[in-house]
Amino acid sequence: MNQIESTNFFKYVYNIIVFCFFVFFTIILWSCINFNVTTKGYSMFIEFKNASGIREGTNLRMRGINIGYVKKIKIDLNSIIILAYIQSQDILIPKKTIIETNQTGILNETVIDIMPLDVIDYTKKINVLSKECYNSNIICHLNYVQGVRGLNYDDLVRAVTRISQRFDDPSFFKIFYLFLKNGIDISDDLFQITWNMSNTFFMFCNVLKKFLVNYS
């Protein structure tokens, strides 16, 4: 009986040791993967006048490809500042770049588009984390850049609403009626002038024809 209990105890201890090794190995593996993910990229600050639908997790695109996302957003007195994370240090962004917010898709999802204006030709690898990067034409780690507002469906809806309100204004129809009336009057005058000129030209041709017939 004691031998059976001892055997069960050793099995229990063995299972605990195996489980602890498994948990320890899982934690080590997760730490390695998370460390590689968080250290292979870099960050930069972008300032916008308006959020325009930006939130944490908003994608950053360059030439149509997702290269990062928004990590944090801070609201300032006159603007908002976002901390953008670029997923790889090999993704180089020229300093002469347009960064704007756009809305795409059926759900008007907001994205941040990065559109480089310069084509930079470099022969050596640039490390965005090094001090030498600040003397280059590349946006470096924790650089501060300015963003602008791009295509926004709210602006489009607002513009259409204003146009429709203009059409609802009675004074607009009054001005349009006067413009149409004056246009009709001018067209009648032009028609009359053209008709008179054509008659004059026709009479001149007849006189010239008779003259040539009589003196030929």
Protein backbone atom coordinates (compact mmCIF):
# COMPACT_ATOMS: atom_id res chain seq x y z
CA MET A 1 0.00 0.00 0.00
CA ASN A 2 2.83 2.38 0.92
CA GLN A 3 4.59 1.48 -2.30
CA ILE A 4 1.52 2.41 -4.34
CA GLU A 5 1.18 5.74 -2.55
CA SER A 6 4.88 6.47 -3.09
CA THR A 7 4.54 5.71 -6.79
CA ASN A 8 1.53 7.99 -7.09
CA PHE A 9 3.39 10.73 -5.24
CA PHE A 10 6.35 10.54 -7.62
CA LYS A 11 4.00 10.65 -10.61
CA TYR A 12 2.32 13.69 -9.14
CA VAL A 13 5.64 15.44 -8.55
CA TYR A 14 6.78 14.48 -12.07
CA ASN A 15 3.62 15.95 -13.61
CA ILE A 16 4.10 19.18 -11.67
CA ILE A 17 7.73 19.44 -12.81
CA VAL A 18 6.74 18.83 -16.44
CA PHE A 19 3.97 21.40 -16.19
CA CYS A 20 6.34 23.98 -14.67
CA PHE A 21 8.88 23.38 -17.44
CA PHE A 22 6.13 23.80 -20.03
CA VAL A 23 4.93 27.07 -18.49
CA PHE A 24 8.50 28.35 -18.18
CA PHE A 25 9.29 27.45 -21.80
CA THR A 26 6.06 29.15 -22.98
CA ILE A 27 6.90 32.33 -21.06
CA ILE A 28 10.45 32.39 -22.46
CA LEU A 29 9.16 31.84 -26.01
CA TRP A 30 6.52 34.57 -25.67
CA SER A 31 9.08 36.99 -24.24
CA CYS A 32 11.46 36.36 -27.15
CA ILE A 33 8.73 36.89 -29.74
CA ASN A 34 7.43 40.03 -28.01
CA PHE A 35 10.95 41.41 -27.65
CA ASN A 36 11.65 40.95 -31.36
CA VAL A 37 8.37 42.60 -32.33
CA THR A 38 8.84 45.62 -30.10
CA THR A 39 12.48 46.27 -30.94
CA LYS A 40 12.59 45.86 -34.70
CA GLY A 41 10.60 49.02 -35.42
CA TYR A 42 10.76 52.70 -34.52
CA SER A 43 8.41 55.52 -33.64
CA MET A 44 7.74 59.11 -34.68
CA PHE A 45 5.44 61.92 -33.59
CA ILE A 46 2.88 63.37 -36.02
CA GLU A 47 0.86 66.52 -35.32
CA PHE A 48 -2.58 67.13 -36.85
CA LYS A 49 -4.97 70.04 -36.52
CA ASN A 50 -7.91 67.65 -36.30
CA ALA A 51 -8.22 63.97 -35.44
CA SER A 52 -10.45 63.25 -38.47
CA GLY A 53 -11.35 59.81 -37.11
CA ILE A 54 -7.83 58.81 -35.99
CA ARG A 55 -7.75 56.42 -33.05
CA GLU A 56 -5.31 54.01 -31.46
CA GLY A 57 -4.64 51.24 -33.96
CA THR A 58 -5.25 53.36 -37.08
CA ASN A 59 -3.10 52.05 -39.93
CA LEU A 60 -0.22 53.92 -41.53
CA ARG A 61 0.23 53.35 -45.26
CA MET A 62 3.06 54.21 -47.59
CA ARG A 63 2.54 53.63 -51.31
CA GLY A 64 -0.61 51.63 -50.49
CA ILE A 65 1.06 49.20 -48.04
CA ASN A 66 0.48 49.11 -44.29
CA ILE A 67 3.77 49.93 -42.55
CA GLY A 68 2.62 50.69 -39.02
CA TYR A 69 -0.12 51.93 -36.74
CA VAL A 70 -1.01 54.59 -34.17
CA LYS A 71 0.10 53.67 -30.65
CA LYS A 72 -1.00 56.68 -28.63
CA ILE A 73 -2.96 59.91 -29.09
CA LYS A 74 -2.52 63.09 -27.07
CA ILE A 75 -4.92 66.02 -27.32
CA ASP A 76 -3.22 69.40 -27.20
CA LEU A 77 -4.81 72.85 -26.90
CA ASN A 78 -4.64 73.62 -30.63
CA SER A 79 -3.88 70.22 -32.17
CA ILE A 80 -3.49 66.52 -31.55
CA ILE A 81 -0.20 64.63 -31.41
CA ILE A 82 -0.02 60.95 -32.20
CA LEU A 83 2.76 58.46 -31.58
CA ALA A 84 3.07 56.37 -34.74
CA TYR A 85 4.91 53.07 -34.76
CA ILE A 86 6.71 51.88 -37.91
CA GLN A 87 6.97 48.11 -37.93
CA SER A 88 10.47 47.80 -39.39
CA GLN A 89 13.68 49.81 -39.21
CA ASP A 90 14.23 48.97 -42.87
CA ILE A 91 11.25 51.14 -43.85
CA LEU A 92 12.80 54.54 -44.51
CA ILE A 93 10.64 57.65 -44.88
CA PRO A 94 12.11 60.81 -46.48
CA LYS A 95 11.78 64.03 -44.51
CA LYS A 96 10.21 65.71 -47.53
CA THR A 97 6.95 63.81 -47.28
CA ILE A 98 3.24 64.57 -47.24
CA ILE A 99 1.45 62.87 -44.35
CA GLU A 100 -2.33 63.16 -44.51
CA THR A 101 -5.46 61.51 -43.16
CA ASN A 102 -7.85 59.91 -45.64
CA GLN A 103 -11.07 57.96 -45.40
CA THR A 104 -11.44 54.80 -47.48
CA GLY A 105 -13.86 51.94 -47.91
CA ILE A 106 -17.60 51.65 -47.42
CA LEU A 107 -17.31 52.30 -43.68
CA ASN A 108 -15.14 55.41 -44.23
CA GLU A 109 -12.25 53.92 -42.29
CA THR A 110 -9.58 56.51 -41.50
CA VAL A 111 -5.99 55.78 -42.52
CA ILE A 112 -2.82 57.86 -42.47
CA ASP A 113 -1.17 57.98 -45.88
CA ILE A 114 2.55 58.73 -46.15
CA MET A 115 3.48 60.03 -49.61
CA PRO A 116 7.22 60.66 -50.12
CA LEU A 117 8.08 63.54 -52.45
CA ASP A 118 11.79 62.76 -52.77
CA VAL A 119 13.51 59.76 -54.30
CA ILE A 120 16.56 59.22 -52.12
CA ASP A 121 19.48 57.25 -53.48
CA TYR A 122 21.76 55.97 -50.73
CA THR A 123 24.61 53.49 -50.88
CA LYS A 124 25.03 52.66 -47.22
CA LYS A 125 22.45 51.39 -44.77
CA ILE A 126 20.91 54.08 -42.58
CA ASN A 127 20.09 53.19 -38.99
CA VAL A 128 17.07 55.22 -37.88
CA LEU A 129 18.07 54.73 -34.23
CA SER A 130 21.59 56.15 -34.60
CA LYS A 131 22.71 59.76 -34.11
CA GLU A 132 24.02 59.90 -37.69
CA CYS A 133 20.44 59.55 -38.94
CA TYR A 134 19.57 63.09 -37.83
CA ASN A 135 22.00 64.51 -40.41
CA SER A 136 20.36 62.55 -43.24
CA ASN A 137 17.20 63.11 -45.30
CA ILE A 138 15.40 60.30 -43.47
CA ILE A 139 12.84 60.58 -40.67
CA CYS A 140 14.55 59.12 -37.62
CA HIS A 141 13.36 57.55 -34.38
CA LEU A 142 11.14 59.95 -32.36
CA ASN A 143 11.29 62.68 -35.01
CA TYR A 144 8.46 65.24 -35.03
CA VAL A 145 6.59 65.83 -38.31
CA GLN A 146 3.50 67.74 -39.42
CA GLY A 147 0.42 66.07 -40.89
CA VAL A 148 -2.46 67.50 -42.91
CA ARG A 149 -6.09 66.63 -43.50
CA GLY A 150 -6.78 64.80 -46.74
CA LEU A 151 -9.92 63.27 -48.25
CA ASN A 152 -12.77 63.40 -45.76
CA TYR A 153 -16.37 62.38 -46.42
CA ASP A 154 -17.65 64.72 -43.71
CA ASP A 155 -16.34 67.66 -45.74
CA LEU A 156 -18.05 66.28 -48.85
CA VAL A 157 -21.38 65.88 -47.05
CA ARG A 158 -21.04 69.38 -45.61
CA ALA A 159 -20.31 70.85 -49.06
CA VAL A 160 -23.30 69.05 -50.62
CA THR A 161 -25.52 70.29 -47.80
CA ARG A 162 -24.40 73.88 -48.37
CA ILE A 163 -25.06 73.58 -52.10
CA SER A 164 -28.54 72.19 -51.47
CA GLN A 165 -29.22 75.07 -49.08
CA ARG A 166 -28.21 77.50 -51.81
CA PHE A 167 -30.73 75.93 -54.15
CA ASP A 168 -33.43 76.28 -51.50
CA ASP A 169 -32.77 80.01 -51.26
CA PRO A 170 -35.49 82.00 -53.17
CA SER A 171 -33.00 84.72 -54.06
CA PHE A 172 -30.95 82.13 -55.94
CA PHE A 173 -33.92 81.25 -58.17
CA LYS A 174 -34.62 84.94 -58.72
CA ILE A 175 -31.06 85.57 -59.85
CA PHE A 176 -31.12 82.44 -61.99
CA TYR A 177 -34.42 83.58 -63.62
CA LEU A 178 -32.95 87.01 -64.41
CA PHE A 179 -29.84 85.40 -65.85
CA LEU A 180 -31.94 83.06 -68.01
CA LYS A 181 -34.21 85.91 -69.16
CA ASN A 182 -31.25 88.10 -70.10
CA GLY A 183 -29.66 85.17 -71.89
CA ILE A 184 -32.82 84.65 -73.96
CA ASP A 185 -33.00 88.37 -74.81
CA ILE A 186 -29.35 88.40 -75.87
CA SER A 187 -29.85 85.29 -78.00
CA ASP A 188 -32.86 86.96 -79.73
CA ASP A 189 -30.79 90.05 -80.47
CA LEU A 190 -27.95 87.96 -81.82
CA PHE A 191 -30.38 86.05 -84.01
CA GLN A 192 -31.83 89.31 -85.38
CA ILE A 193 -28.37 90.74 -86.06
CA THR A 194 -27.33 87.53 -87.80
CA TRP A 195 -30.52 87.56 -89.90
CA ASN A 196 -30.00 91.18 -90.98
CA MET A 197 -26.36 90.53 -91.87
CA SER A 198 -27.30 87.49 -93.92
CA ASN A 199 -29.95 89.50 -95.82
CA THR A 200 -27.48 92.32 -96.46
CA PHE A 201 -24.89 89.88 -97.70
CA PHE A 202 -27.48 88.18 -99.94
CA MET A 203 -28.52 91.52 -101.47
CA PHE A 204 -24.90 92.47 -102.01
CA CYS A 205 -24.29 89.19 -103.83
CA ASN A 206 -27.30 89.79 -106.10
CA VAL A 207 -26.17 93.32 -106.96
CA LEU A 208 -22.64 92.10 -107.63
CA LYS A 209 -23.98 89.31 -109.84
CA LYS A 210 -26.11 91.73 -111.92
CA PHE A 211 -23.20 94.08 -112.25
CA LEU A 212 -20.93 91.34 -113.54
CA VAL A 213 -23.62 90.12 -115.95
CA ASN A 214 -24.24 93.59 -117.40
CA TYR A 215 -20.58 94.52 -117.85
CA SER A 216 -19.20 91.19 -118.88
